[in-house]
Amino acid sequence: MDAVNTTEKQSFYRLVQIMEDLREKCPWDRKQTIHTLRTLTIEEMYEMGDAILQEDWTDLKKELGDLMLHLVFYAKIASEEGHFAIGDVIESICEKLIFRHPHVYGELQVENEDEVKRNWEQLKLKEGNKSVLGGVPKGLPAMVKALRMQEKAKQVGFEWDTAEQVWEKVKEEEGEFKEALASEDKAAAEEEFGDLLFSLINYARFKNIDPETALEKTNQKFLRRFQGMEQIAASEGKSFASMNLQEMDALWNQIKSTENK
């Protein structure tokens, strides 16, 4: 029996046919290009990320559908312009996955996940990539980009031995940042702050913490608490403009205490 059942195949074919209809009959869909879709796709990616962070499976299903629509949309436009079709896209990724998993589809033996990752990077170089870091998209958010570069550098042995060594590097960078601040050299302070952030991201990686996810969860926590403060202040007939820092800090601690309970 096929891994993909008949219903799933029919659903995919239905989506492809709907895209055919939309490009022919809908003025908005007919007008779109890969460039007009780009920002919309990025927005959809972030919405999917929010659904993942919230572990909202209903919303995740919806966002995956939106992204799948975009993938079919790009392929349809490419087909119209004579570049490739959706089938070419699928065959391409199938071939790449088979090539990069010789431990599954070939004779290679691997012991663990790290060996799989190292072999993956070596195979990418055989495909024509000139640098291990060449596959990191330039447009990634800086924190995600730092993490991906560190992960890729690790696969060729450019890596600290222990988390303790990384933490020593964090403290070293913190000292250099403080020195730059004391010198009142803004450019140097910015550079050293970047180095400090990079080393903290590296430490998080060693501790199996995704720094982007960790920071976004803190963002959401701050948003939740701050809006809670606003609601309490409003219920007491107060506004932040009329409150001093001590009063606002008291509200913050009130919200924090409620959450902890």
C-alpha atoms as a PDB file:
ATOM      1  CA  MET A   1       0.000   0.000   0.000  1.00  0.00           C
ATOM      2  CA  ASP A   2       1.300   3.460  -0.894  1.00  0.00           C
ATOM      3  CA  ALA A   3       2.563   5.603   1.978  1.00  0.00           C
ATOM      4  CA  VAL A   4       0.403   8.408   0.583  1.00  0.00           C
ATOM      5  CA  ASN A   5      -3.186   7.225   0.422  1.00  0.00           C
ATOM      6  CA  THR A   6      -5.590   7.904  -2.417  1.00  0.00           C
ATOM      7  CA  THR A   7      -7.476  10.614  -0.531  1.00  0.00           C
ATOM      8  CA  GLU A   8      -4.284  12.600   0.079  1.00  0.00           C
ATOM      9  CA  LYS A   9      -3.300  12.313  -3.581  1.00  0.00           C
ATOM     10  CA  GLN A  10      -6.735  13.490  -4.649  1.00  0.00           C
ATOM     11  CA  SER A  11      -6.527  16.438  -2.258  1.00  0.00           C
ATOM     12  CA  PHE A  12      -3.195  17.517  -3.731  1.00  0.00           C
ATOM     13  CA  TYR A  13      -4.446  17.184  -7.300  1.00  0.00           C
ATOM     14  CA  ARG A  14      -7.519  19.204  -6.302  1.00  0.00           C
ATOM     15  CA  LEU A  15      -5.316  22.023  -5.016  1.00  0.00           C
ATOM     16  CA  VAL A  16      -3.300  22.039  -8.246  1.00  0.00           C
ATOM     17  CA  GLN A  17      -6.521  22.198 -10.287  1.00  0.00           C
ATOM     18  CA  ILE A  18      -7.896  25.033  -8.170  1.00  0.00           C
ATOM     19  CA  MET A  19      -4.708  26.989  -8.835  1.00  0.00           C
ATOM     20  CA  GLU A  20      -5.203  26.376 -12.566  1.00  0.00           C
ATOM     21  CA  ASP A  21      -8.726  27.808 -12.247  1.00  0.00           C
ATOM     22  CA  LEU A  22      -7.636  30.818 -10.219  1.00  0.00           C
ATOM     23  CA  ARG A  23      -4.885  31.809 -12.639  1.00  0.00           C
ATOM     24  CA  GLU A  24      -7.381  31.668 -15.465  1.00  0.00           C
ATOM     25  CA  LYS A  25     -10.478  33.195 -13.899  1.00  0.00           C
ATOM     26  CA  CYS A  26      -9.544  35.378 -10.887  1.00  0.00           C
ATOM     27  CA  PRO A  27      -8.209  38.891 -11.682  1.00  0.00           C
ATOM     28  CA  TRP A  28      -6.169  39.078  -8.448  1.00  0.00           C
ATOM     29  CA  ASP A  29      -4.572  35.646  -8.795  1.00  0.00           C
ATOM     30  CA  ARG A  30      -3.878  36.230 -12.478  1.00  0.00           C
ATOM     31  CA  LYS A  31      -2.007  39.451 -11.632  1.00  0.00           C
ATOM     32  CA  GLN A  32       0.405  37.914  -9.119  1.00  0.00           C
ATOM     33  CA  THR A  33       4.124  37.356  -9.794  1.00  0.00           C
ATOM     34  CA  ILE A  34       6.861  35.662  -7.768  1.00  0.00           C
ATOM     35  CA  HIS A  35       7.831  39.128  -6.541  1.00  0.00           C
ATOM     36  CA  THR A  36       4.377  40.165  -5.366  1.00  0.00           C
ATOM     37  CA  LEU A  37       3.973  36.816  -3.597  1.00  0.00           C
ATOM     38  CA  ARG A  38       7.329  36.998  -1.815  1.00  0.00           C
ATOM     39  CA  THR A  39       6.338  39.277   1.080  1.00  0.00           C
ATOM     40  CA  LEU A  40       3.048  37.431   1.492  1.00  0.00           C
ATOM     41  CA  THR A  41       4.921  34.133   1.762  1.00  0.00           C
ATOM     42  CA  ILE A  42       7.258  35.553   4.404  1.00  0.00           C
ATOM     43  CA  GLU A  43       4.213  36.718   6.373  1.00  0.00           C
ATOM     44  CA  GLU A  44       2.691  33.235   6.126  1.00  0.00           C
ATOM     45  CA  MET A  45       5.939  31.725   7.424  1.00  0.00           C
ATOM     46  CA  TYR A  46       5.826  33.924  10.507  1.00  0.00           C
ATOM     47  CA  GLU A  47       2.177  33.066  11.086  1.00  0.00           C
ATOM     48  CA  MET A  48       3.078  29.393  10.926  1.00  0.00           C
ATOM     49  CA  GLY A  49       5.880  30.052  13.410  1.00  0.00           C
ATOM     50  CA  ASP A  50       3.401  31.662  15.808  1.00  0.00           C
ATOM     51  CA  ALA A  51       1.115  28.626  15.550  1.00  0.00           C
ATOM     52  CA  ILE A  52       4.047  26.333  16.360  1.00  0.00           C
ATOM     53  CA  LEU A  53       5.076  28.381  19.390  1.00  0.00           C
ATOM     54  CA  GLN A  54       1.503  28.299  20.671  1.00  0.00           C
ATOM     55  CA  GLU A  55       1.183  24.587  19.812  1.00  0.00           C
ATOM     56  CA  ASP A  56      -2.109  25.520  18.165  1.00  0.00           C
ATOM     57  CA  TRP A  57      -2.659  22.509  15.899  1.00  0.00           C
ATOM     58  CA  THR A  58      -5.845  23.891  14.379  1.00  0.00           C
ATOM     59  CA  ASP A  59      -4.102  27.085  13.364  1.00  0.00           C
ATOM     60  CA  LEU A  60      -1.021  25.156  12.231  1.00  0.00           C
ATOM     61  CA  LYS A  61      -3.177  23.132   9.834  1.00  0.00           C
ATOM     62  CA  LYS A  62      -4.541  26.357   8.382  1.00  0.00           C
ATOM     63  CA  GLU A  63      -1.109  27.971   8.045  1.00  0.00           C
ATOM     64  CA  LEU A  64       0.379  24.859   6.425  1.00  0.00           C
ATOM     65  CA  GLY A  65      -2.449  25.029   3.905  1.00  0.00           C
ATOM     66  CA  ASP A  66      -1.656  28.672   3.174  1.00  0.00           C
ATOM     67  CA  LEU A  67       2.007  27.833   2.638  1.00  0.00           C
ATOM     68  CA  MET A  68       1.167  24.874   0.435  1.00  0.00           C
ATOM     69  CA  LEU A  69      -0.976  27.164  -1.685  1.00  0.00           C
ATOM     70  CA  HIS A  70       1.986  29.498  -2.104  1.00  0.00           C
ATOM     71  CA  LEU A  71       4.266  26.640  -3.175  1.00  0.00           C
ATOM     72  CA  VAL A  72       1.779  25.537  -5.814  1.00  0.00           C
ATOM     73  CA  PHE A  73       1.342  29.182  -6.850  1.00  0.00           C
ATOM     74  CA  TYR A  74       5.076  29.687  -7.459  1.00  0.00           C
ATOM     75  CA  ALA A  75       5.287  26.454  -9.418  1.00  0.00           C
ATOM     76  CA  LYS A  76       2.305  27.468 -11.555  1.00  0.00           C
ATOM     77  CA  ILE A  77       3.905  30.808 -12.433  1.00  0.00           C
ATOM     78  CA  ALA A  78       7.194  29.064 -13.235  1.00  0.00           C
ATOM     79  CA  SER A  79       5.353  26.615 -15.482  1.00  0.00           C
ATOM     80  CA  GLU A  80       3.633  29.446 -17.340  1.00  0.00           C
ATOM     81  CA  GLU A  81       7.012  31.070 -17.983  1.00  0.00           C
ATOM     82  CA  GLY A  82       8.536  27.807 -19.180  1.00  0.00           C
ATOM     83  CA  HIS A  83      10.922  27.151 -16.288  1.00  0.00           C
ATOM     84  CA  PHE A  84       9.532  24.135 -14.421  1.00  0.00           C
ATOM     85  CA  ALA A  85       6.302  22.531 -13.203  1.00  0.00           C
ATOM     86  CA  ILE A  86       5.153  21.334  -9.782  1.00  0.00           C
ATOM     87  CA  GLY A  87       6.145  17.774 -10.682  1.00  0.00           C
ATOM     88  CA  ASP A  88       9.709  18.925 -11.370  1.00  0.00           C
ATOM     89  CA  VAL A  89       9.826  20.553  -7.936  1.00  0.00           C
ATOM     90  CA  ILE A  90       8.695  17.372  -6.215  1.00  0.00           C
ATOM     91  CA  GLU A  91      11.043  15.135  -8.202  1.00  0.00           C
ATOM     92  CA  SER A  92      13.939  17.472  -7.460  1.00  0.00           C
ATOM     93  CA  ILE A  93      13.477  17.313  -3.697  1.00  0.00           C
ATOM     94  CA  CYS A  94      12.939  13.541  -3.849  1.00  0.00           C
ATOM     95  CA  GLU A  95      16.252  13.070  -5.673  1.00  0.00           C
ATOM     96  CA  LYS A  96      18.063  15.380  -3.268  1.00  0.00           C
ATOM     97  CA  LEU A  97      16.712  13.591  -0.206  1.00  0.00           C
ATOM     98  CA  ILE A  98      17.763  10.205  -1.573  1.00  0.00           C
ATOM     99  CA  PHE A  99      21.246  11.496  -2.445  1.00  0.00           C
ATOM    100  CA  ARG A 100      21.744  13.112   0.969  1.00  0.00           C
ATOM    101  CA  HIS A 101      20.555  10.056   2.913  1.00  0.00           C
ATOM    102  CA  PRO A 102      22.973   7.312   1.813  1.00  0.00           C
ATOM    103  CA  HIS A 103      22.548   5.790   5.292  1.00  0.00           C
ATOM    104  CA  VAL A 104      18.901   5.153   4.349  1.00  0.00           C
ATOM    105  CA  TYR A 105      19.059   4.566   0.583  1.00  0.00           C
ATOM    106  CA  GLY A 106      22.653   3.321   0.318  1.00  0.00           C
ATOM    107  CA  GLU A 107      25.321   1.394   2.184  1.00  0.00           C
ATOM    108  CA  LEU A 108      26.687   4.145   4.440  1.00  0.00           C
ATOM    109  CA  GLN A 109      26.596   3.381   8.169  1.00  0.00           C
ATOM    110  CA  VAL A 110      26.079   6.182  10.701  1.00  0.00           C
ATOM    111  CA  GLU A 111      26.111   6.064  14.471  1.00  0.00           C
ATOM    112  CA  ASN A 112      24.114   9.168  15.433  1.00  0.00           C
ATOM    113  CA  GLU A 113      22.522  12.463  14.406  1.00  0.00           C
ATOM    114  CA  ASP A 114      25.843  14.325  14.367  1.00  0.00           C
ATOM    115  CA  GLU A 115      27.279  11.937  11.796  1.00  0.00           C
ATOM    116  CA  VAL A 116      24.193  12.429   9.642  1.00  0.00           C
ATOM    117  CA  LYS A 117      24.656  16.225   9.775  1.00  0.00           C
ATOM    118  CA  ARG A 118      28.376  16.036   8.968  1.00  0.00           C
ATOM    119  CA  ASN A 119      27.745  13.767   6.021  1.00  0.00           C
ATOM    120  CA  TRP A 120      24.939  16.065   4.850  1.00  0.00           C
ATOM    121  CA  GLU A 121      27.317  19.047   4.681  1.00  0.00           C
ATOM    122  CA  GLN A 122      29.972  17.037   2.837  1.00  0.00           C
ATOM    123  CA  LEU A 123      27.410  15.928   0.261  1.00  0.00           C
ATOM    124  CA  LYS A 124      26.315  19.535  -0.248  1.00  0.00           C
ATOM    125  CA  LEU A 125      29.918  20.456  -1.091  1.00  0.00           C
ATOM    126  CA  LYS A 126      29.972  17.645  -3.662  1.00  0.00           C
ATOM    127  CA  GLU A 127      26.870  19.176  -5.225  1.00  0.00           C
ATOM    128  CA  GLY A 128      28.850  22.307  -6.027  1.00  0.00           C
ATOM    129  CA  ASN A 129      28.582  24.492  -2.932  1.00  0.00           C
ATOM    130  CA  LYS A 130      31.871  26.372  -2.576  1.00  0.00           C
ATOM    131  CA  SER A 131      31.533  27.042   1.150  1.00  0.00           C
ATOM    132  CA  VAL A 132      30.028  25.201   4.076  1.00  0.00           C
ATOM    133  CA  LEU A 133      28.344  28.497   4.971  1.00  0.00           C
ATOM    134  CA  GLY A 134      27.208  29.195   1.418  1.00  0.00           C
ATOM    135  CA  GLY A 135      23.799  27.658   1.986  1.00  0.00           C
ATOM    136  CA  VAL A 136      22.824  30.065   4.773  1.00  0.00           C
ATOM    137  CA  PRO A 137      20.306  32.518   3.268  1.00  0.00           C
ATOM    138  CA  LYS A 138      21.418  36.150   3.414  1.00  0.00           C
ATOM    139  CA  GLY A 139      17.902  37.285   4.279  1.00  0.00           C
ATOM    140  CA  LEU A 140      17.550  35.250   7.479  1.00  0.00           C
ATOM    141  CA  PRO A 141      16.983  37.200  10.708  1.00  0.00           C
ATOM    142  CA  ALA A 142      20.385  37.843  12.288  1.00  0.00           C
ATOM    143  CA  MET A 143      19.858  35.544  15.275  1.00  0.00           C
ATOM    144  CA  VAL A 144      18.679  32.627  13.149  1.00  0.00           C
ATOM    145  CA  LYS A 145      21.546  33.232  10.720  1.00  0.00           C
ATOM    146  CA  ALA A 146      24.113  33.156  13.545  1.00  0.00           C
ATOM    147  CA  LEU A 147      22.729  29.853  14.818  1.00  0.00           C
ATOM    148  CA  ARG A 148      22.717  28.269  11.351  1.00  0.00           C
ATOM    149  CA  MET A 149      26.307  29.364  10.655  1.00  0.00           C
ATOM    150  CA  GLN A 150      27.453  27.935  13.980  1.00  0.00           C
ATOM    151  CA  GLU A 151      25.658  24.645  13.309  1.00  0.00           C
ATOM    152  CA  LYS A 152      27.199  24.345   9.859  1.00  0.00           C
ATOM    153  CA  ALA A 153      30.719  25.233  11.069  1.00  0.00           C
ATOM    154  CA  LYS A 154      30.383  22.502  13.681  1.00  0.00           C
ATOM    155  CA  GLN A 155      29.888  19.870  10.962  1.00  0.00           C
ATOM    156  CA  VAL A 156      33.433  20.427   9.657  1.00  0.00           C
ATOM    157  CA  GLY A 157      35.036  20.430  13.115  1.00  0.00           C
ATOM    158  CA  PHE A 158      35.134  24.173  13.841  1.00  0.00           C
ATOM    159  CA  GLU A 159      33.696  23.754  17.319  1.00  0.00           C
ATOM    160  CA  TRP A 160      34.458  24.171  21.006  1.00  0.00           C
ATOM    161  CA  ASP A 161      34.909  20.999  23.053  1.00  0.00           C
ATOM    162  CA  THR A 162      32.735  21.939  26.032  1.00  0.00           C
ATOM    163  CA  ALA A 163      29.985  24.336  27.038  1.00  0.00           C
ATOM    164  CA  GLU A 164      32.284  25.668  29.752  1.00  0.00           C
ATOM    165  CA  GLN A 165      34.713  26.895  27.098  1.00  0.00           C
ATOM    166  CA  VAL A 166      31.887  28.670  25.330  1.00  0.00           C
ATOM    167  CA  TRP A 167      30.789  30.340  28.563  1.00  0.00           C
ATOM    168  CA  GLU A 168      34.337  31.581  29.120  1.00  0.00           C
ATOM    169  CA  LYS A 169      34.120  33.131  25.658  1.00  0.00           C
ATOM    170  CA  VAL A 170      30.840  34.790  26.663  1.00  0.00           C
ATOM    171  CA  LYS A 171      32.519  36.357  29.691  1.00  0.00           C
ATOM    172  CA  GLU A 172      35.479  37.430  27.554  1.00  0.00           C
ATOM    173  CA  GLU A 173      33.158  39.150  25.074  1.00  0.00           C
ATOM    174  CA  GLU A 174      31.237  40.775  27.926  1.00  0.00           C
ATOM    175  CA  GLY A 175      34.488  42.276  29.214  1.00  0.00           C
ATOM    176  CA  GLU A 176      35.398  43.603  25.771  1.00  0.00           C
ATOM    177  CA  PHE A 177      31.921  45.101  25.408  1.00  0.00           C
ATOM    178  CA  LYS A 178      32.249  46.914  28.740  1.00  0.00           C
ATOM    179  CA  GLU A 179      35.661  48.243  27.706  1.00  0.00           C
ATOM    180  CA  ALA A 180      34.196  49.566  24.467  1.00  0.00           C
ATOM    181  CA  LEU A 181      31.368  51.252  26.383  1.00  0.00           C
ATOM    182  CA  ALA A 182      33.871  52.871  28.733  1.00  0.00           C
ATOM    183  CA  SER A 183      35.822  54.238  25.762  1.00  0.00           C
ATOM    184  CA  GLU A 184      32.610  55.830  24.440  1.00  0.00           C
ATOM    185  CA  ASP A 185      33.458  54.471  20.985  1.00  0.00           C
ATOM    186  CA  LYS A 186      30.008  53.771  19.587  1.00  0.00           C
ATOM    187  CA  ALA A 187      31.227  51.729  16.592  1.00  0.00           C
ATOM    188  CA  ALA A 188      33.436  49.565  18.812  1.00  0.00           C
ATOM    189  CA  ALA A 189      30.613  49.093  21.333  1.00  0.00           C
ATOM    190  CA  GLU A 190      28.250  47.984  18.561  1.00  0.00           C
ATOM    191  CA  GLU A 191      30.808  45.493  17.253  1.00  0.00           C
ATOM    192  CA  GLU A 192      31.534  44.079  20.698  1.00  0.00           C
ATOM    193  CA  PHE A 193      27.826  43.830  21.497  1.00  0.00           C
ATOM    194  CA  GLY A 194      27.406  41.798  18.304  1.00  0.00           C
ATOM    195  CA  ASP A 195      30.262  39.535  19.406  1.00  0.00           C
ATOM    196  CA  LEU A 196      28.618  39.117  22.816  1.00  0.00           C
ATOM    197  CA  LEU A 197      25.279  38.181  21.245  1.00  0.00           C
ATOM    198  CA  PHE A 198      26.995  35.733  18.888  1.00  0.00           C
ATOM    199  CA  SER A 199      28.759  34.008  21.790  1.00  0.00           C
ATOM    200  CA  LEU A 200      25.504  33.818  23.797  1.00  0.00           C
ATOM    201  CA  ILE A 201      23.771  32.210  20.826  1.00  0.00           C
ATOM    202  CA  ASN A 202      26.626  29.738  20.636  1.00  0.00           C
ATOM    203  CA  TYR A 203      26.236  28.876  24.321  1.00  0.00           C
ATOM    204  CA  ALA A 204      22.484  28.396  23.873  1.00  0.00           C
ATOM    205  CA  ARG A 205      23.240  26.004  21.002  1.00  0.00           C
ATOM    206  CA  PHE A 206      25.545  23.975  23.241  1.00  0.00           C
ATOM    207  CA  LYS A 207      22.739  23.710  25.775  1.00  0.00           C
ATOM    208  CA  ASN A 208      20.207  22.666  23.089  1.00  0.00           C
ATOM    209  CA  ILE A 209      18.263  25.907  23.459  1.00  0.00           C
ATOM    210  CA  ASP A 210      16.899  27.555  20.329  1.00  0.00           C
ATOM    211  CA  PRO A 211      17.726  31.236  20.975  1.00  0.00           C
ATOM    212  CA  GLU A 212      15.134  32.543  18.497  1.00  0.00           C
ATOM    213  CA  THR A 213      12.368  30.526  20.165  1.00  0.00           C
ATOM    214  CA  ALA A 214      13.578  31.500  23.633  1.00  0.00           C
ATOM    215  CA  LEU A 215      13.592  35.200  22.791  1.00  0.00           C
ATOM    216  CA  GLU A 216      10.179  35.051  21.099  1.00  0.00           C
ATOM    217  CA  LYS A 217       8.696  33.351  24.166  1.00  0.00           C
ATOM    218  CA  THR A 218      10.129  36.172  26.276  1.00  0.00           C
ATOM    219  CA  ASN A 219       8.631  38.693  23.838  1.00  0.00           C
ATOM    220  CA  GLN A 220       5.231  37.040  24.229  1.00  0.00           C
ATOM    221  CA  LYS A 221       5.613  36.997  28.021  1.00  0.00           C
ATOM    222  CA  PHE A 222       6.488  40.697  28.078  1.00  0.00           C
ATOM    223  CA  LEU A 223       3.525  41.486  25.807  1.00  0.00           C
ATOM    224  CA  ARG A 224       1.156  39.494  28.006  1.00  0.00           C
ATOM    225  CA  ARG A 225       2.386  41.086  31.234  1.00  0.00           C
ATOM    226  CA  PHE A 226       2.504  44.630  29.873  1.00  0.00           C
ATOM    227  CA  GLN A 227      -1.021  44.405  28.506  1.00  0.00           C
ATOM    228  CA  GLY A 228      -2.109  42.979  31.866  1.00  0.00           C
ATOM    229  CA  MET A 229      -0.601  46.031  33.559  1.00  0.00           C
ATOM    230  CA  GLU A 230      -2.527  48.297  31.194  1.00  0.00           C
ATOM    231  CA  GLN A 231      -5.793  46.509  32.002  1.00  0.00           C
ATOM    232  CA  ILE A 232      -5.272  46.804  35.765  1.00  0.00           C
ATOM    233  CA  ALA A 233      -4.339  50.479  35.473  1.00  0.00           C
ATOM    234  CA  ALA A 234      -7.426  51.158  33.340  1.00  0.00           C
ATOM    235  CA  SER A 235      -9.682  49.326  35.814  1.00  0.00           C
ATOM    236  CA  GLU A 236      -8.354  51.643  38.551  1.00  0.00           C
ATOM    237  CA  GLY A 237      -8.936  54.724  36.418  1.00  0.00           C
ATOM    238  CA  LYS A 238      -5.228  55.354  35.898  1.00  0.00           C
ATOM    239  CA  SER A 239      -3.032  55.824  32.855  1.00  0.00           C
ATOM    240  CA  PHE A 240       0.636  55.038  32.479  1.00  0.00           C
ATOM    241  CA  ALA A 241       1.319  58.695  31.699  1.00  0.00           C
ATOM    242  CA  SER A 242       0.268  59.623  35.242  1.00  0.00           C
ATOM    243  CA  MET A 243       2.147  56.776  36.983  1.00  0.00           C
ATOM    244  CA  ASN A 244       5.759  56.720  38.115  1.00  0.00           C
ATOM    245  CA  LEU A 245       8.149  53.813  37.616  1.00  0.00           C
ATOM    246  CA  GLN A 246       7.616  52.434  41.111  1.00  0.00           C
ATOM    247  CA  GLU A 247       3.856  52.217  40.576  1.00  0.00           C
ATOM    248  CA  MET A 248       4.295  50.509  37.219  1.00  0.00           C
ATOM    249  CA  ASP A 249       6.840  48.122  38.712  1.00  0.00           C
ATOM    250  CA  ALA A 250       4.316  47.194  41.389  1.00  0.00           C
ATOM    251  CA  LEU A 251       1.789  46.337  38.677  1.00  0.00           C
ATOM    252  CA  TRP A 252       4.431  44.255  36.900  1.00  0.00           C
ATOM    253  CA  ASN A 253       5.149  42.281  40.059  1.00  0.00           C
ATOM    254  CA  GLN A 254       1.417  41.811  40.624  1.00  0.00           C
ATOM    255  CA  ILE A 255       1.000  40.294  37.154  1.00  0.00           C
ATOM    256  CA  LYS A 256       4.148  38.204  37.580  1.00  0.00           C
ATOM    257  CA  SER A 257       2.982  36.882  40.943  1.00  0.00           C
ATOM    258  CA  THR A 258      -0.411  35.906  39.474  1.00  0.00           C
ATOM    259  CA  GLU A 259       1.272  34.018  36.619  1.00  0.00           C
ATOM    260  CA  ASN A 260       3.600  32.182  38.974  1.00  0.00           C
ATOM    261  CA  LYS A 261       0.656  30.945  41.021  1.00  0.00           C
END
